[in-house]
Amino acid sequence: MKVNYEPIDAQHASLTIELNKGDYAEKVDKELKSLQKNLAIRGFRQGKAPIEMVRRSYGKSVLSDEIQRIATQALNDYISENNIDILGYPLTSERIESKLDIENSEDFLFAFDLGLAPKFELNLSPADHLEQFVISVDEAEIDKDIDYMRRRLGKLEEVDQAEADDVIYGVLDELNEDGQVLEGGATAKEASLVASMVQDEALRNTLLNAKVGEELRVNIFQLFNNNDTVIRNTLGIPAEGLNDLSMDFRFSINSIKRRSLAELNEAYYMELYGPESYPANESEYRERVKNNLEGYYANEAQLWLDHQISHLLTNNHPLALPDDFLKRWLISTKPEEYNAENIEERYQEESNVLRRQLVVEKIAEAQNIQVDENDLRNAAYEYVADLYRQYGLMNAGNLVVEYAEKQLKDNDFRRRMADRVVHRKSFDAVRQMVSLDEKPVSVEEYFSHVNTHKHQH
């Protein structure tokens, strides 16, 4: 066997593996004899078919599998033993033609293209300045949060006329050009909506003045903010049905419900916090709300700082990547996501993510970041708790622990949690390397700043 490694430039290399009969013949014969023992061929007892008959029937297939296995092992061994830092996984070469004619040759050549990881030094110092927001929580913010929770836990009551946050229930009927119910159209479809969430101003104002028993002529697309998925699910039609859908519908309002504010009493506090640790009075309740909000906005400030760090890692390390190779690799390994039509558009973000990941790995190496079992467990608990919070379960302590412990038995989940730990510890390390400029802001100022940044993106 002969392995030849040929660097092309700083980002690319080729690797070829030449095999002759001496490299594989013994292994092929051994595999054929093993196969012979288990074969049942007509005219022979099991395992007694002549080896030459087995070779004629299965020799080429066994040969193909064996040389592929040998070449793959040789490829991996060479990369590992020579500490070649690659990106993705080697692909069949486009520069050098592989020679794999098992029908007419006993010598074979496997040729691979490799994408090489860039070599670089960390470029982070106190000269890099990042904003560290300190978000203040005032009484108005506390009032707003309490009002939201009181409304969420309040009772739904029937009202005659809609206001901003009321839920309007009704029936939708598709209309024809004459304003009559369209025969064969989408009819008698129950729907509910909140007027304040309708983006079209004129339609929103119409709904805000609507009364029970009214029939409104509405634009179905404006009613649901041009959200195709919501429209299809509400009307029960397939995706292609949107193409022929009339925009004109009759919305017959049969009910309007308003959620009243729950009273601040023991039952309310108990429902929010549970029977073991609910606040004794309104003053204690407001203090808890304030502490929760401060924790929430401290986390928001950290997320913004993490966002800045992500930009800093990319901007300070404009790493040269084997772009053409990586595009080929993405298309070949994830054909359900990438193809020749979309790769150019999607590759930019993929390459930025990869650059950040390479820098994070460099930081982890420089800081000797380790991941122990306690780190994995804490990361798993945090991850699962976030999942439960998305479904409205704010205090799912035992459920979090049980589900996280179950997931930690899966190696793929453990790897993902390890990546989260390394990422978190690396970002924490960056905070110690750069300068953080504290900036006190209100909640409104913080979100205004973040939204402006998102708009610029």
Protein backbone atom coordinates (compact mmCIF):
# COMPACT_ATOMS: atom_id res chain seq x y z
CA MET A 1 0.00 0.00 0.00
CA LYS A 2 1.20 3.48 -0.83
CA VAL A 3 -0.29 6.64 0.67
CA ASN A 4 0.61 9.99 -0.88
CA TYR A 5 -0.37 13.33 0.71
CA GLU A 6 -0.10 16.41 -1.52
CA PRO A 7 -0.77 19.91 -0.10
CA ILE A 8 -2.29 22.18 -2.74
CA ASP A 9 -2.52 25.43 -0.77
CA ALA A 10 -3.22 26.49 2.82
CA GLN A 11 -6.85 25.33 2.58
CA HIS A 12 -6.70 22.26 0.33
CA ALA A 13 -4.84 18.98 -0.09
CA SER A 14 -5.14 15.70 -1.97
CA LEU A 15 -4.52 12.24 -0.59
CA THR A 16 -4.17 9.10 -2.70
CA ILE A 17 -4.08 5.46 -1.63
CA GLU A 18 -2.66 2.83 -4.00
CA LEU A 19 -3.53 -0.82 -3.40
CA ASN A 20 -2.13 -3.89 -5.11
CA LYS A 21 -3.11 -7.52 -4.79
CA GLY A 22 -0.81 -8.13 -1.86
CA ASP A 23 -2.70 -5.53 0.20
CA TYR A 24 -6.07 -7.21 -0.02
CA ALA A 25 -5.86 -10.79 -1.37
CA GLU A 26 -5.49 -12.51 2.02
CA LYS A 27 -8.35 -10.53 3.52
CA VAL A 28 -10.63 -11.25 0.54
CA ASP A 29 -9.85 -14.99 0.74
CA LYS A 30 -10.57 -15.00 4.46
CA GLU A 31 -13.91 -13.27 3.93
CA LEU A 32 -14.88 -15.68 1.12
CA LYS A 33 -14.07 -18.71 3.31
CA SER A 34 -16.14 -17.23 6.12
CA LEU A 35 -18.98 -16.68 3.64
CA GLN A 36 -18.61 -20.26 2.31
CA LYS A 37 -19.38 -21.72 5.75
CA ASN A 38 -22.81 -20.12 5.87
CA LEU A 39 -23.91 -20.52 2.23
CA ALA A 40 -26.61 -22.97 1.19
CA ILE A 41 -26.25 -23.56 -2.58
CA ARG A 42 -28.48 -26.03 -4.43
CA GLY A 43 -26.71 -29.35 -4.90
CA PHE A 44 -24.41 -28.89 -1.90
CA ARG A 45 -24.81 -29.19 1.81
CA GLN A 46 -24.57 -25.94 3.75
CA GLY A 47 -20.95 -24.82 3.91
CA LYS A 48 -19.77 -27.42 1.36
CA ALA A 49 -19.99 -25.41 -1.88
CA PRO A 50 -16.55 -25.27 -3.64
CA ILE A 51 -14.62 -22.10 -2.84
CA GLU A 52 -14.21 -21.32 -6.55
CA MET A 53 -17.97 -21.35 -7.00
CA VAL A 54 -18.26 -18.95 -4.06
CA ARG A 55 -15.52 -16.79 -5.59
CA ARG A 56 -17.28 -16.63 -8.98
CA SER A 57 -20.58 -15.64 -7.35
CA TYR A 58 -19.40 -13.30 -4.65
CA GLY A 59 -15.74 -12.49 -5.31
CA LYS A 60 -16.22 -9.11 -6.98
CA SER A 61 -18.65 -7.91 -4.32
CA VAL A 62 -16.36 -9.01 -1.47
CA LEU A 63 -13.36 -7.45 -3.25
CA SER A 64 -15.18 -4.13 -3.67
CA ASP A 65 -16.19 -4.04 0.01
CA GLU A 66 -12.72 -5.02 1.21
CA ILE A 67 -10.73 -2.47 -0.78
CA GLN A 68 -13.19 0.24 0.30
CA ARG A 69 -12.68 -0.78 3.93
CA ILE A 70 -8.91 -0.89 3.62
CA ALA A 71 -8.77 2.49 1.87
CA THR A 72 -11.07 4.12 4.44
CA GLN A 73 -9.00 2.76 7.32
CA ALA A 74 -5.77 3.92 5.68
CA LEU A 75 -7.25 7.37 5.08
CA ASN A 76 -8.36 7.79 8.71
CA ASP A 77 -5.09 6.40 10.07
CA TYR A 78 -2.95 8.72 7.96
CA ILE A 79 -4.94 11.81 8.96
CA SER A 80 -4.82 10.83 12.66
CA GLU A 81 -1.15 9.79 12.77
CA ASN A 82 0.01 12.92 10.94
CA ASN A 83 -2.25 15.31 12.91
CA ILE A 84 -3.84 16.74 9.78
CA ASP A 85 -6.57 19.14 10.93
CA ILE A 86 -9.39 18.77 8.40
CA LEU A 87 -12.85 20.32 8.05
CA GLY A 88 -15.79 18.09 7.22
CA TYR A 89 -14.70 14.72 5.83
CA PRO A 90 -12.61 13.88 2.72
CA LEU A 91 -14.50 13.69 -0.57
CA THR A 92 -13.74 11.76 -3.74
CA SER A 93 -11.22 13.90 -5.57
CA GLU A 94 -12.19 16.18 -8.43
CA ARG A 95 -8.52 16.77 -9.29
CA ILE A 96 -7.25 13.19 -9.44
CA GLU A 97 -9.21 10.34 -11.01
CA SER A 98 -9.70 7.26 -8.84
CA LYS A 99 -9.00 3.91 -10.56
CA LEU A 100 -11.38 1.24 -9.28
CA ASP A 101 -11.94 -1.18 -12.18
CA ILE A 102 -12.42 -4.45 -10.29
CA GLU A 103 -13.38 -6.27 -13.52
CA ASN A 104 -10.11 -5.69 -15.34
CA SER A 105 -7.46 -4.70 -12.82
CA GLU A 106 -5.82 -5.91 -9.64
CA ASP A 107 -4.35 -2.50 -8.78
CA PHE A 108 -6.52 0.29 -7.45
CA LEU A 109 -6.16 4.00 -6.73
CA PHE A 110 -8.38 5.92 -4.31
CA ALA A 111 -8.10 9.71 -4.57
CA PHE A 112 -9.54 12.15 -2.01
CA ASP A 113 -9.84 15.92 -1.67
CA LEU A 114 -9.31 17.35 1.83
CA GLY A 115 -10.40 20.70 3.25
CA LEU A 116 -7.83 21.95 5.76
CA ALA A 117 -8.61 23.90 8.91
CA PRO A 118 -6.87 27.29 9.02
CA LYS A 119 -3.93 27.89 11.34
CA PHE A 120 -4.28 31.09 13.39
CA GLU A 121 -3.57 32.80 16.70
CA LEU A 122 -6.17 34.29 19.02
CA ASN A 123 -6.70 38.02 18.55
CA LEU A 124 -8.51 39.16 21.71
CA SER A 125 -7.33 41.82 24.16
CA PRO A 126 -8.50 44.63 26.48
CA ALA A 127 -8.40 46.88 23.42
CA ASP A 128 -11.65 45.17 22.39
CA HIS A 129 -14.58 46.98 24.05
CA LEU A 130 -18.05 45.45 24.48
CA GLU A 131 -21.24 46.87 26.00
CA GLN A 132 -22.35 45.40 29.30
CA PHE A 133 -25.95 46.56 29.73
CA VAL A 134 -27.29 47.02 33.26
CA ILE A 135 -31.06 47.00 32.77
CA SER A 136 -33.09 48.72 35.47
CA VAL A 137 -36.54 47.47 36.51
CA ASP A 138 -38.89 50.28 37.56
CA GLU A 139 -42.34 50.21 39.16
CA ALA A 140 -44.06 50.56 35.79
CA GLU A 141 -42.36 47.38 34.56
CA ILE A 142 -43.43 45.55 37.71
CA ASP A 143 -47.02 46.78 37.23
CA LYS A 144 -47.00 45.61 33.62
CA ASP A 145 -45.82 42.13 34.55
CA ILE A 146 -48.37 41.82 37.36
CA ASP A 147 -51.13 43.03 35.03
CA TYR A 148 -50.12 40.40 32.47
CA MET A 149 -50.24 37.59 35.04
CA ARG A 150 -53.55 38.79 36.51
CA ARG A 151 -55.07 38.87 33.06
CA ARG A 152 -53.66 35.44 32.23
CA LEU A 153 -55.19 33.93 35.37
CA GLY A 154 -58.41 35.93 35.16
CA LYS A 155 -61.74 34.55 34.01
CA LEU A 156 -63.08 34.84 30.47
CA GLU A 157 -66.33 36.80 30.47
CA GLU A 158 -68.81 37.39 27.66
CA VAL A 159 -69.02 41.00 26.40
CA ASP A 160 -71.04 42.67 23.65
CA GLN A 161 -68.37 44.83 21.98
CA ALA A 162 -64.68 44.13 21.33
CA GLU A 163 -61.73 45.91 22.86
CA ALA A 164 -58.02 45.52 22.04
CA ASP A 165 -57.23 42.28 23.88
CA ASP A 166 -60.61 40.59 23.62
CA VAL A 167 -60.96 37.24 21.86
CA ILE A 168 -63.45 37.44 18.99
CA TYR A 169 -65.11 34.16 17.96
CA GLY A 170 -66.99 33.72 14.73
CA VAL A 171 -67.61 31.80 11.53
CA LEU A 172 -65.92 32.42 8.17
CA ASP A 173 -67.63 31.96 4.78
CA GLU A 174 -65.84 32.44 1.46
CA LEU A 175 -67.64 34.89 -0.88
CA ASN A 176 -67.87 35.18 -4.66
CA GLU A 177 -67.54 38.36 -6.72
CA ASP A 178 -71.18 39.25 -5.98
CA GLY A 179 -70.65 39.04 -2.23
CA GLN A 180 -72.62 35.81 -1.93
CA VAL A 181 -71.41 32.62 -0.25
CA LEU A 182 -69.21 30.83 -2.81
CA GLU A 183 -70.63 27.44 -3.80
CA GLY A 184 -67.99 24.79 -3.08
CA GLY A 185 -65.84 27.31 -1.23
CA ALA A 186 -64.58 27.36 2.34
CA THR A 187 -67.70 27.83 4.45
CA ALA A 188 -68.81 27.53 8.08
CA LYS A 189 -65.19 27.62 9.32
CA GLU A 190 -64.90 28.50 12.99
CA ALA A 191 -62.22 31.06 13.82
CA SER A 192 -60.98 33.12 16.75
CA LEU A 193 -58.65 36.10 16.87
CA VAL A 194 -57.53 39.11 18.89
CA ALA A 195 -58.24 42.43 17.16
CA SER A 196 -55.07 44.16 18.37
CA MET A 197 -52.94 41.51 16.62
CA VAL A 198 -54.34 42.34 13.17
CA GLN A 199 -51.69 44.41 11.38
CA ASP A 200 -53.92 46.15 8.82
CA GLU A 201 -54.98 49.35 10.57
CA ALA A 202 -58.38 49.80 8.89
CA LEU A 203 -59.43 46.19 9.53
CA ARG A 204 -58.10 46.34 13.10
CA ASN A 205 -60.24 49.43 13.82
CA THR A 206 -63.28 47.72 12.32
CA LEU A 207 -62.79 44.70 14.57
CA LEU A 208 -62.26 46.89 17.65
CA ASN A 209 -65.77 48.32 17.16
CA ALA A 210 -67.35 44.99 16.32
CA LYS A 211 -70.33 43.64 18.24
CA VAL A 212 -71.79 40.19 18.79
CA GLY A 213 -74.16 39.30 15.94
CA GLU A 214 -72.42 41.50 13.33
CA GLU A 215 -71.42 40.18 9.93
CA LEU A 216 -68.24 41.78 8.57
CA ARG A 217 -66.86 41.53 5.06
CA VAL A 218 -63.11 40.97 5.51
CA ASN A 219 -59.98 40.25 3.51
CA ILE A 220 -58.93 36.79 4.74
CA PHE A 221 -55.23 37.51 4.12
CA GLN A 222 -55.33 40.77 6.08
CA LEU A 223 -57.33 39.09 8.84
CA PHE A 224 -54.49 36.62 9.49
CA ASN A 225 -51.57 38.92 8.57
CA ASN A 226 -50.78 37.02 5.34
CA ASN A 227 -49.74 33.97 7.35
CA ASP A 228 -50.36 31.12 4.92
CA THR A 229 -50.05 28.44 7.60
CA VAL A 230 -52.65 30.03 9.88
CA ILE A 231 -55.04 30.57 6.94
CA ARG A 232 -54.69 26.96 5.75
CA ASN A 233 -55.18 25.54 9.25
CA THR A 234 -58.17 27.77 9.98
CA LEU A 235 -59.93 26.96 6.71
CA GLY A 236 -58.78 23.33 6.55
CA ILE A 237 -57.38 23.57 3.02
CA PRO A 238 -54.17 22.22 1.43
CA ALA A 239 -51.28 24.52 0.50
CA GLU A 240 -52.28 24.57 -3.17
CA GLY A 241 -55.77 25.68 -2.15
CA LEU A 242 -54.41 29.15 -1.37
CA ASN A 243 -53.85 29.80 -5.07
CA ASP A 244 -57.58 29.74 -5.85
CA LEU A 245 -58.80 31.21 -2.56
CA SER A 246 -60.97 34.31 -2.72
CA MET A 247 -59.72 37.14 -0.53
CA ASP A 248 -63.30 38.13 0.38
CA PHE A 249 -64.92 36.40 3.37
CA ARG A 250 -67.84 37.00 5.64
CA PHE A 251 -66.96 36.92 9.31
CA SER A 252 -70.06 36.33 11.43
CA ILE A 253 -69.30 37.21 15.05
CA ASN A 254 -71.06 34.96 17.52
CA SER A 255 -69.12 35.63 20.71
CA ILE A 256 -66.64 38.08 22.26
CA LYS A 257 -64.79 37.19 25.45
CA ARG A 258 -62.74 39.41 27.71
CA ARG A 259 -60.35 38.14 30.33
CA SER A 260 -60.89 39.95 33.63
CA LEU A 261 -58.08 40.73 36.05
CA ALA A 262 -57.65 38.09 38.75
CA GLU A 263 -57.86 39.42 42.30
CA LEU A 264 -54.64 39.73 44.30
CA ASN A 265 -55.44 37.29 47.08
CA GLU A 266 -54.15 34.10 48.65
CA ALA A 267 -55.70 31.87 45.98
CA TYR A 268 -53.98 33.89 43.24
CA TYR A 269 -50.57 33.77 44.95
CA MET A 270 -50.94 30.06 45.58
CA GLU A 271 -51.80 29.34 41.95
CA LEU A 272 -48.69 31.22 40.81
CA TYR A 273 -46.15 29.89 43.29
CA GLY A 274 -47.63 26.70 44.69
CA PRO A 275 -48.91 25.93 48.18
CA GLU A 276 -45.46 25.65 49.80
CA SER A 277 -43.87 29.02 49.05
CA TYR A 278 -46.43 31.60 47.97
CA PRO A 279 -46.03 35.26 49.09
CA ALA A 280 -47.93 36.40 52.16
CA ASN A 281 -49.11 39.76 50.81
CA GLU A 282 -48.97 42.17 47.87
CA SER A 283 -45.74 43.80 49.05
CA GLU A 284 -43.94 40.46 49.15
CA TYR A 285 -45.47 39.54 45.79
CA ARG A 286 -44.18 42.73 44.16
CA GLU A 287 -40.71 42.06 45.58
CA ARG A 288 -40.72 38.58 44.04
CA VAL A 289 -41.85 39.95 40.70
CA LYS A 290 -39.07 42.53 40.82
CA ASN A 291 -36.46 39.86 41.60
CA ASN A 292 -37.74 37.65 38.77
CA LEU A 293 -37.65 40.55 36.33
CA GLU A 294 -34.16 41.55 37.39
CA GLY A 295 -33.02 37.98 36.84
CA TYR A 296 -34.74 37.88 33.46
CA TYR A 297 -33.19 41.14 32.28
CA ALA A 298 -29.77 40.19 33.65
CA ASN A 299 -30.05 37.14 31.41
CA GLU A 300 -31.17 39.35 28.51
CA ALA A 301 -28.08 41.53 29.04
CA GLN A 302 -25.91 38.42 29.00
CA LEU A 303 -27.52 37.27 25.75
CA TRP A 304 -26.71 40.64 24.21
CA LEU A 305 -23.14 40.38 25.43
CA ASP A 306 -22.90 36.88 23.96
CA HIS A 307 -24.19 38.27 20.68
CA GLN A 308 -21.44 40.88 20.69
CA ILE A 309 -18.84 38.24 21.50
CA SER A 310 -20.02 36.18 18.51
CA HIS A 311 -19.48 39.18 16.24
CA LEU A 312 -16.11 39.90 17.85
CA LEU A 313 -14.84 36.36 17.33
CA THR A 314 -15.79 36.48 13.65
CA ASN A 315 -14.55 40.04 12.99
CA ASN A 316 -11.23 39.58 14.78
CA HIS A 317 -10.52 36.26 13.08
CA PRO A 318 -11.25 36.54 9.32
CA LEU A 319 -10.21 32.94 8.75
CA ALA A 320 -9.66 31.67 5.22
CA LEU A 321 -11.71 28.49 4.69
CA PRO A 322 -11.73 25.91 1.88
CA ASP A 323 -14.99 27.36 0.61
CA ASP A 324 -15.43 25.31 -2.57
CA PHE A 325 -14.67 22.09 -0.71
CA LEU A 326 -17.08 22.92 2.12
CA LYS A 327 -19.87 23.74 -0.33
CA ARG A 328 -19.38 20.34 -1.98
CA TRP A 329 -19.28 18.68 1.43
CA LEU A 330 -22.54 20.34 2.58
CA ILE A 331 -24.36 19.34 -0.60
CA SER A 332 -23.12 15.74 -0.40
CA THR A 333 -23.77 15.22 3.32
CA LYS A 334 -27.00 17.23 3.73
CA PRO A 335 -28.80 17.01 0.38
CA GLU A 336 -32.14 17.63 2.10
CA GLU A 337 -30.91 21.12 3.09
CA TYR A 338 -28.36 22.14 0.46
CA ASN A 339 -28.26 21.96 -3.30
CA ALA A 340 -26.63 23.77 -6.22
CA GLU A 341 -29.43 26.35 -6.26
CA ASN A 342 -29.26 27.47 -2.63
CA ILE A 343 -25.69 26.75 -1.51
CA GLU A 344 -24.30 30.20 -2.35
CA GLU A 345 -27.03 31.93 -0.35
CA ARG A 346 -26.82 29.62 2.67
CA TYR A 347 -23.08 29.08 2.78
CA GLN A 348 -22.28 32.55 4.14
CA GLU A 349 -24.01 31.89 7.45
CA GLU A 350 -22.63 28.34 7.61
CA SER A 351 -19.10 29.64 7.13
CA ASN A 352 -19.55 32.30 9.83
CA VAL A 353 -20.79 29.65 12.27
CA LEU A 354 -17.80 27.46 11.42
CA ARG A 355 -15.34 30.33 11.92
CA ARG A 356 -16.81 31.07 15.35
CA GLN A 357 -16.65 27.39 16.25
CA LEU A 358 -12.98 27.19 15.27
CA VAL A 359 -12.20 30.23 17.43
CA VAL A 360 -14.18 28.75 20.35
CA GLU A 361 -12.16 25.54 20.03
CA LYS A 362 -8.96 27.61 20.04
CA ILE A 363 -10.07 29.42 23.20
CA ALA A 364 -10.99 26.12 24.86
CA GLU A 365 -7.55 24.75 24.03
CA ALA A 366 -5.72 27.88 25.23
CA GLN A 367 -7.72 28.00 28.47
CA ASN A 368 -7.52 24.23 29.00
CA ILE A 369 -11.32 24.10 29.33
CA GLN A 370 -12.54 20.76 30.65
CA VAL A 371 -16.03 19.26 30.86
CA ASP A 372 -16.86 17.05 33.84
CA GLU A 373 -19.97 15.09 34.75
CA ASN A 374 -21.30 17.92 36.91
CA ASP A 375 -20.99 20.32 33.96
CA LEU A 376 -22.93 17.93 31.74
CA ARG A 377 -25.66 17.49 34.32
CA ASN A 378 -26.09 21.22 34.92
CA ALA A 379 -26.19 21.89 31.16
CA ALA A 380 -28.80 19.16 30.70
CA TYR A 381 -30.98 20.53 33.54
CA GLU A 382 -30.80 24.04 32.09
CA TYR A 383 -31.59 22.82 28.58
CA VAL A 384 -34.59 20.72 29.68
CA ALA A 385 -35.90 23.49 31.98
CA ASP A 386 -35.86 25.88 28.99
CA LEU A 387 -37.87 23.35 26.97
CA TYR A 388 -40.50 23.08 29.70
CA ARG A 389 -40.68 26.89 30.05
CA GLN A 390 -41.53 27.12 26.35
CA TYR A 391 -44.62 25.04 27.12
CA GLY A 392 -45.56 27.23 30.08
CA LEU A 393 -44.22 24.92 32.82
CA MET A 394 -42.23 27.36 34.93
CA ASN A 395 -41.56 25.20 38.01
CA ALA A 396 -41.19 21.64 36.69
CA GLY A 397 -38.35 20.68 39.05
CA ASN A 398 -38.79 16.91 39.35
CA LEU A 399 -39.85 16.54 35.72
CA VAL A 400 -36.72 18.42 34.62
CA VAL A 401 -34.43 16.16 36.63
CA GLU A 402 -36.10 12.92 35.51
CA TYR A 403 -36.11 13.83 31.82
CA ALA A 404 -32.56 15.23 31.86
CA GLU A 405 -31.17 12.13 33.59
CA LYS A 406 -32.88 9.93 31.00
CA GLN A 407 -31.46 11.99 28.11
CA LEU A 408 -27.95 11.87 29.59
CA LYS A 409 -27.84 8.14 28.88
CA ASP A 410 -27.78 8.97 25.15
CA ASN A 411 -24.25 9.61 23.81
CA ASP A 412 -25.41 12.08 21.16
CA PHE A 413 -27.23 14.16 23.80
CA ARG A 414 -24.12 14.09 26.02
CA ARG A 415 -22.01 15.38 23.12
CA ARG A 416 -24.44 18.22 22.51
CA MET A 417 -24.41 19.15 26.18
CA ALA A 418 -20.59 19.02 26.20
CA ASP A 419 -20.55 21.43 23.24
CA ARG A 420 -22.85 23.79 25.18
CA VAL A 421 -20.53 23.69 28.19
CA VAL A 422 -17.42 24.39 26.11
CA HIS A 423 -19.23 27.21 24.31
CA ARG A 424 -20.36 28.77 27.60
CA LYS A 425 -16.99 28.48 29.30
CA SER A 426 -15.22 29.87 26.23
CA PHE A 427 -17.50 32.90 26.09
CA ASP A 428 -16.96 33.41 29.83
CA ALA A 429 -13.22 33.34 29.17
CA VAL A 430 -13.59 36.02 26.48
CA ARG A 431 -15.17 38.31 29.10
CA GLN A 432 -11.90 38.15 31.02
CA MET A 433 -9.83 38.94 27.91
CA VAL A 434 -11.68 42.05 26.69
CA SER A 435 -12.96 45.30 28.23
CA LEU A 436 -16.60 45.45 29.32
CA ASP A 437 -18.13 48.94 29.39
CA GLU A 438 -21.12 49.06 31.77
CA LYS A 439 -24.08 50.96 30.35
CA PRO A 440 -27.18 51.53 32.54
CA VAL A 441 -30.38 51.46 30.45
CA SER A 442 -34.10 51.16 30.94
CA VAL A 443 -36.06 48.20 29.59
CA GLU A 444 -37.36 50.36 26.74
CA GLU A 445 -33.89 51.60 25.84
CA TYR A 446 -32.51 48.07 25.85
CA PHE A 447 -35.12 46.65 23.47
CA SER A 448 -34.91 49.73 21.25
CA HIS A 449 -31.17 49.17 20.93
CA VAL A 450 -31.52 45.44 20.22
CA ASN A 451 -34.34 45.91 17.71
CA THR A 452 -32.34 48.56 15.84
CA HIS A 453 -29.44 46.12 15.64
CA LYS A 454 -31.71 43.34 14.34
CA HIS A 455 -33.11 45.70 11.70
CA GLN A 456 -29.60 46.54 10.53
CA HIS A 457 -28.98 42.81 10.07
